[in-house]
Amino acid sequence: MSPTARVLDVGTGSGCIAATLAAERPRWQVAAVERSPAAALVARRNLDRHAPAVVLLLADLTTALAPPFDLVVANLPYIPTGALAGLPEEVRRDPALALDGGPDGLALVRRLLADLRRLLRPCGGAVLELGEEQAPVVAELAGPAGLAVARRLRDAGGCERVIVVQPL
């Protein structure tokens, strides 16, 4: 990847991923987008402290963004609506907006996949964190969205938790 890559963190939440990317790669142009005003306030505080050059936008997914990006990262809400009540108490303290991924947990992921061809440079890529057992479904959705699965990664517990896609 270019030393001056354009990077987008979708659903930044607290801003920790955007801040880390900006700190690790100071020449990258990092932008972050968040749809929750409350989360965006937390992200702005964290970014001001750790990565003030990160541009933070309050928007629904990628609607307010001008492509192309070399890298898109996303940790979107991926818990199915029906599973929210069964989450551990410490997880349920998070706002529902940060957890609820719709009926199958993939509502926002589907929307992002549909927009990645527009957002990414031809040789760019996207890294998405997913819930348990969602990687096979996302891999199937990638092709019709004009994306190829470059890699699927497992977490320490053996769950396929991350998928990397690139434009076809």
C-alpha atoms as a PDB file:
ATOM      1  CA  MET A   1       0.000   0.000   0.000  1.00  0.00           C
ATOM      2  CA  SER A   2       1.146   3.506  -0.764  1.00  0.00           C
ATOM      3  CA  PRO A   3       2.829   5.394   2.072  1.00  0.00           C
ATOM      4  CA  THR A   4       0.193   8.121   1.576  1.00  0.00           C
ATOM      5  CA  ALA A   5      -2.859   5.866   1.360  1.00  0.00           C
ATOM      6  CA  ARG A   6      -6.413   7.137   1.841  1.00  0.00           C
ATOM      7  CA  VAL A   7      -8.108   5.090   4.543  1.00  0.00           C
ATOM      8  CA  LEU A   8     -11.692   5.046   5.772  1.00  0.00           C
ATOM      9  CA  ASP A   9     -12.963   3.643   9.079  1.00  0.00           C
ATOM     10  CA  VAL A  10     -16.718   3.021   8.719  1.00  0.00           C
ATOM     11  CA  GLY A  11     -18.700   2.906  11.960  1.00  0.00           C
ATOM     12  CA  THR A  12     -15.768   4.209  13.964  1.00  0.00           C
ATOM     13  CA  GLY A  13     -17.509   4.072  17.344  1.00  0.00           C
ATOM     14  CA  SER A  14     -14.918   5.272  19.864  1.00  0.00           C
ATOM     15  CA  GLY A  15     -12.410   6.026  17.085  1.00  0.00           C
ATOM     16  CA  CYS A  16      -9.818   3.544  18.325  1.00  0.00           C
ATOM     17  CA  ILE A  17      -9.228   1.866  14.945  1.00  0.00           C
ATOM     18  CA  ALA A  18      -8.896   5.184  13.105  1.00  0.00           C
ATOM     19  CA  ALA A  19      -6.588   6.536  15.819  1.00  0.00           C
ATOM     20  CA  THR A  20      -4.409   3.438  15.728  1.00  0.00           C
ATOM     21  CA  LEU A  21      -4.105   3.475  11.943  1.00  0.00           C
ATOM     22  CA  ALA A  22      -3.203   7.175  11.981  1.00  0.00           C
ATOM     23  CA  ALA A  23      -0.637   6.669  14.744  1.00  0.00           C
ATOM     24  CA  GLU A  24       0.960   3.653  13.072  1.00  0.00           C
ATOM     25  CA  ARG A  25       1.009   5.226   9.605  1.00  0.00           C
ATOM     26  CA  PRO A  26       1.338   9.015  10.064  1.00  0.00           C
ATOM     27  CA  ARG A  27       1.471   9.678   6.307  1.00  0.00           C
ATOM     28  CA  TRP A  28      -1.865   7.971   5.677  1.00  0.00           C
ATOM     29  CA  GLN A  29      -4.914  10.200   5.255  1.00  0.00           C
ATOM     30  CA  VAL A  30      -7.406   8.629   7.653  1.00  0.00           C
ATOM     31  CA  ALA A  31     -11.095   9.493   7.749  1.00  0.00           C
ATOM     32  CA  ALA A  32     -13.717   8.034  10.047  1.00  0.00           C
ATOM     33  CA  VAL A  33     -17.493   8.013   9.782  1.00  0.00           C
ATOM     34  CA  GLU A  34     -20.031   7.400  12.546  1.00  0.00           C
ATOM     35  CA  ARG A  35     -23.849   7.555  12.463  1.00  0.00           C
ATOM     36  CA  SER A  36     -24.409   7.977  16.206  1.00  0.00           C
ATOM     37  CA  PRO A  37     -23.989  11.555  17.451  1.00  0.00           C
ATOM     38  CA  ALA A  38     -23.129  10.290  20.960  1.00  0.00           C
ATOM     39  CA  ALA A  39     -20.473   7.901  19.636  1.00  0.00           C
ATOM     40  CA  ALA A  40     -19.094  10.619  17.358  1.00  0.00           C
ATOM     41  CA  LEU A  41     -18.555  12.854  20.414  1.00  0.00           C
ATOM     42  CA  VAL A  42     -16.579  10.080  22.106  1.00  0.00           C
ATOM     43  CA  ALA A  43     -14.615   9.459  18.907  1.00  0.00           C
ATOM     44  CA  ARG A  44     -13.806  13.162  18.496  1.00  0.00           C
ATOM     45  CA  ARG A  45     -12.452  13.344  22.047  1.00  0.00           C
ATOM     46  CA  ASN A  46     -10.312  10.263  21.489  1.00  0.00           C
ATOM     47  CA  LEU A  47      -9.118  11.418  18.088  1.00  0.00           C
ATOM     48  CA  ASP A  48      -8.288  14.911  19.378  1.00  0.00           C
ATOM     49  CA  ARG A  49      -6.112  13.283  22.014  1.00  0.00           C
ATOM     50  CA  HIS A  50      -4.455  10.537  19.949  1.00  0.00           C
ATOM     51  CA  ALA A  51      -4.831  11.373  16.257  1.00  0.00           C
ATOM     52  CA  PRO A  52      -6.041  14.930  15.661  1.00  0.00           C
ATOM     53  CA  ALA A  53      -5.447  14.743  11.894  1.00  0.00           C
ATOM     54  CA  VAL A  54      -8.193  12.131  11.437  1.00  0.00           C
ATOM     55  CA  VAL A  55     -11.240  13.621   9.729  1.00  0.00           C
ATOM     56  CA  LEU A  56     -14.447  12.569  11.481  1.00  0.00           C
ATOM     57  CA  LEU A  57     -17.816  12.757   9.745  1.00  0.00           C
ATOM     58  CA  LEU A  58     -21.276  12.209  11.191  1.00  0.00           C
ATOM     59  CA  ALA A  59     -23.118  10.285   8.473  1.00  0.00           C
ATOM     60  CA  ASP A  60     -24.970   7.078   7.724  1.00  0.00           C
ATOM     61  CA  LEU A  61     -22.279   4.678   6.508  1.00  0.00           C
ATOM     62  CA  THR A  62     -20.616   6.118   3.408  1.00  0.00           C
ATOM     63  CA  THR A  63     -23.226   8.504   2.027  1.00  0.00           C
ATOM     64  CA  ALA A  64     -21.147  11.649   2.613  1.00  0.00           C
ATOM     65  CA  LEU A  65     -17.809  10.380   1.330  1.00  0.00           C
ATOM     66  CA  ALA A  66     -15.840  11.018  -1.815  1.00  0.00           C
ATOM     67  CA  PRO A  67     -13.887   8.029  -3.123  1.00  0.00           C
ATOM     68  CA  PRO A  68     -11.485   6.541  -3.922  1.00  0.00           C
ATOM     69  CA  PHE A  69      -9.958   4.916  -0.841  1.00  0.00           C
ATOM     70  CA  ASP A  70      -7.071   2.487  -0.723  1.00  0.00           C
ATOM     71  CA  LEU A  71      -8.379   0.779   2.397  1.00  0.00           C
ATOM     72  CA  VAL A  72     -11.759   0.599   4.115  1.00  0.00           C
ATOM     73  CA  VAL A  73     -12.049  -0.926   7.583  1.00  0.00           C
ATOM     74  CA  ALA A  74     -15.326  -1.589   9.363  1.00  0.00           C
ATOM     75  CA  ASN A  75     -16.538  -3.050  12.625  1.00  0.00           C
ATOM     76  CA  LEU A  76     -20.251  -2.522  12.087  1.00  0.00           C
ATOM     77  CA  PRO A  77     -23.026  -3.777  14.370  1.00  0.00           C
ATOM     78  CA  TYR A  78     -23.344  -7.492  13.556  1.00  0.00           C
ATOM     79  CA  ILE A  79     -25.478  -9.019  16.309  1.00  0.00           C
ATOM     80  CA  PRO A  80     -28.860 -10.305  15.099  1.00  0.00           C
ATOM     81  CA  THR A  81     -31.738  -8.372  16.653  1.00  0.00           C
ATOM     82  CA  GLY A  82     -33.167 -11.529  18.224  1.00  0.00           C
ATOM     83  CA  ALA A  83     -29.884 -12.264  20.024  1.00  0.00           C
ATOM     84  CA  LEU A  84     -29.560  -8.869  21.747  1.00  0.00           C
ATOM     85  CA  ALA A  85     -31.515  -9.863  24.871  1.00  0.00           C
ATOM     86  CA  GLY A  86     -29.249 -12.872  25.428  1.00  0.00           C
ATOM     87  CA  LEU A  87     -26.006 -10.904  25.414  1.00  0.00           C
ATOM     88  CA  PRO A  88     -23.941 -10.666  28.598  1.00  0.00           C
ATOM     89  CA  GLU A  89     -24.911  -7.708  30.781  1.00  0.00           C
ATOM     90  CA  GLU A  90     -21.646  -5.838  30.161  1.00  0.00           C
ATOM     91  CA  VAL A  91     -22.239  -5.987  26.390  1.00  0.00           C
ATOM     92  CA  ARG A  92     -25.889  -4.882  26.707  1.00  0.00           C
ATOM     93  CA  ARG A  93     -24.650  -1.640  28.316  1.00  0.00           C
ATOM     94  CA  ASP A  94     -23.584  -0.503  24.848  1.00  0.00           C
ATOM     95  CA  PRO A  95     -26.245   1.414  22.903  1.00  0.00           C
ATOM     96  CA  ALA A  96     -28.472  -0.833  20.773  1.00  0.00           C
ATOM     97  CA  LEU A  97     -27.414   1.212  17.729  1.00  0.00           C
ATOM     98  CA  ALA A  98     -23.845  -0.059  18.237  1.00  0.00           C
ATOM     99  CA  LEU A  99     -24.915  -3.704  18.482  1.00  0.00           C
ATOM    100  CA  ASP A 100     -28.046  -4.360  16.420  1.00  0.00           C
ATOM    101  CA  GLY A 101     -27.185  -5.643  12.956  1.00  0.00           C
ATOM    102  CA  GLY A 102     -30.766  -6.370  11.917  1.00  0.00           C
ATOM    103  CA  PRO A 103     -32.563  -9.699  11.574  1.00  0.00           C
ATOM    104  CA  ASP A 104     -29.472 -11.733  10.621  1.00  0.00           C
ATOM    105  CA  GLY A 105     -26.846  -9.276  11.883  1.00  0.00           C
ATOM    106  CA  LEU A 106     -25.747  -8.293   8.390  1.00  0.00           C
ATOM    107  CA  ALA A 107     -28.028  -5.365   7.462  1.00  0.00           C
ATOM    108  CA  LEU A 108     -25.258  -2.740   7.584  1.00  0.00           C
ATOM    109  CA  VAL A 109     -22.624  -5.114   6.209  1.00  0.00           C
ATOM    110  CA  ARG A 110     -24.823  -5.728   3.150  1.00  0.00           C
ATOM    111  CA  ARG A 111     -25.174  -1.992   2.595  1.00  0.00           C
ATOM    112  CA  LEU A 112     -21.420  -1.467   2.892  1.00  0.00           C
ATOM    113  CA  LEU A 113     -20.623  -4.375   0.548  1.00  0.00           C
ATOM    114  CA  ALA A 114     -22.944  -2.852  -2.067  1.00  0.00           C
ATOM    115  CA  ASP A 115     -20.976   0.425  -1.895  1.00  0.00           C
ATOM    116  CA  LEU A 116     -17.396  -0.866  -1.700  1.00  0.00           C
ATOM    117  CA  ARG A 117     -16.820  -0.988  -5.484  1.00  0.00           C
ATOM    118  CA  ARG A 118     -17.590   2.743  -5.583  1.00  0.00           C
ATOM    119  CA  LEU A 119     -15.434   3.500  -2.555  1.00  0.00           C
ATOM    120  CA  LEU A 120     -12.306   1.477  -3.326  1.00  0.00           C
ATOM    121  CA  ARG A 121      -9.525   2.045  -5.799  1.00  0.00           C
ATOM    122  CA  PRO A 122      -9.246  -0.873  -8.259  1.00  0.00           C
ATOM    123  CA  CYS A 123      -6.353  -2.330  -6.247  1.00  0.00           C
ATOM    124  CA  GLY A 124      -7.787  -1.357  -2.845  1.00  0.00           C
ATOM    125  CA  GLY A 125      -9.248  -3.566  -0.182  1.00  0.00           C
ATOM    126  CA  ALA A 126     -11.636  -3.696   2.735  1.00  0.00           C
ATOM    127  CA  VAL A 127     -11.286  -5.425   6.091  1.00  0.00           C
ATOM    128  CA  LEU A 128     -14.561  -6.232   7.873  1.00  0.00           C
ATOM    129  CA  GLU A 129     -15.057  -7.625  11.367  1.00  0.00           C
ATOM    130  CA  LEU A 130     -17.999 -10.025  11.561  1.00  0.00           C
ATOM    131  CA  GLY A 131     -19.976 -12.053  14.037  1.00  0.00           C
ATOM    132  CA  GLU A 132     -19.688 -15.795  14.511  1.00  0.00           C
ATOM    133  CA  GLU A 133     -20.678 -17.837  11.467  1.00  0.00           C
ATOM    134  CA  GLN A 134     -21.224 -14.749   9.286  1.00  0.00           C
ATOM    135  CA  ALA A 135     -18.057 -15.094   7.151  1.00  0.00           C
ATOM    136  CA  PRO A 136     -19.525 -17.747   4.801  1.00  0.00           C
ATOM    137  CA  VAL A 137     -22.607 -15.595   4.164  1.00  0.00           C
ATOM    138  CA  VAL A 138     -20.509 -12.458   3.566  1.00  0.00           C
ATOM    139  CA  ALA A 139     -18.226 -14.429   1.230  1.00  0.00           C
ATOM    140  CA  GLU A 140     -21.305 -15.396  -0.821  1.00  0.00           C
ATOM    141  CA  LEU A 141     -22.513 -11.772  -0.889  1.00  0.00           C
ATOM    142  CA  ALA A 142     -19.123 -10.477  -2.060  1.00  0.00           C
ATOM    143  CA  GLY A 143     -19.257 -11.855  -5.626  1.00  0.00           C
ATOM    144  CA  PRO A 144     -22.569 -10.273  -6.634  1.00  0.00           C
ATOM    145  CA  ALA A 145     -21.269  -6.989  -5.136  1.00  0.00           C
ATOM    146  CA  GLY A 146     -18.264  -7.127  -7.513  1.00  0.00           C
ATOM    147  CA  LEU A 147     -15.826  -8.155  -4.805  1.00  0.00           C
ATOM    148  CA  ALA A 148     -13.453 -11.063  -4.337  1.00  0.00           C
ATOM    149  CA  VAL A 149     -12.644 -12.563  -0.966  1.00  0.00           C
ATOM    150  CA  ALA A 150      -8.892 -12.202  -0.502  1.00  0.00           C
ATOM    151  CA  ARG A 151      -8.695 -13.694   2.982  1.00  0.00           C
ATOM    152  CA  ARG A 152     -10.700 -14.939   5.946  1.00  0.00           C
ATOM    153  CA  LEU A 153      -9.116 -14.741   9.399  1.00  0.00           C
ATOM    154  CA  ARG A 154      -9.941 -16.543  12.630  1.00  0.00           C
ATOM    155  CA  ASP A 155      -9.858 -15.046  16.119  1.00  0.00           C
ATOM    156  CA  ALA A 156      -8.098 -16.661  19.090  1.00  0.00           C
ATOM    157  CA  GLY A 157     -11.176 -18.831  19.700  1.00  0.00           C
ATOM    158  CA  GLY A 158     -11.119 -20.201  16.158  1.00  0.00           C
ATOM    159  CA  CYS A 159     -14.099 -18.199  14.876  1.00  0.00           C
ATOM    160  CA  GLU A 160     -13.842 -16.678  11.401  1.00  0.00           C
ATOM    161  CA  ARG A 161     -14.090 -13.088  12.580  1.00  0.00           C
ATOM    162  CA  VAL A 162     -12.506 -11.022   9.773  1.00  0.00           C
ATOM    163  CA  ILE A 163     -12.943 -11.048   6.031  1.00  0.00           C
ATOM    164  CA  VAL A 164     -10.815  -9.130   3.519  1.00  0.00           C
ATOM    165  CA  VAL A 165     -12.365  -8.250   0.164  1.00  0.00           C
ATOM    166  CA  GLN A 166     -11.060  -6.549  -2.968  1.00  0.00           C
ATOM    167  CA  PRO A 167     -12.749  -5.276  -6.140  1.00  0.00           C
ATOM    168  CA  LEU A 168     -12.963  -7.847  -8.932  1.00  0.00           C
END
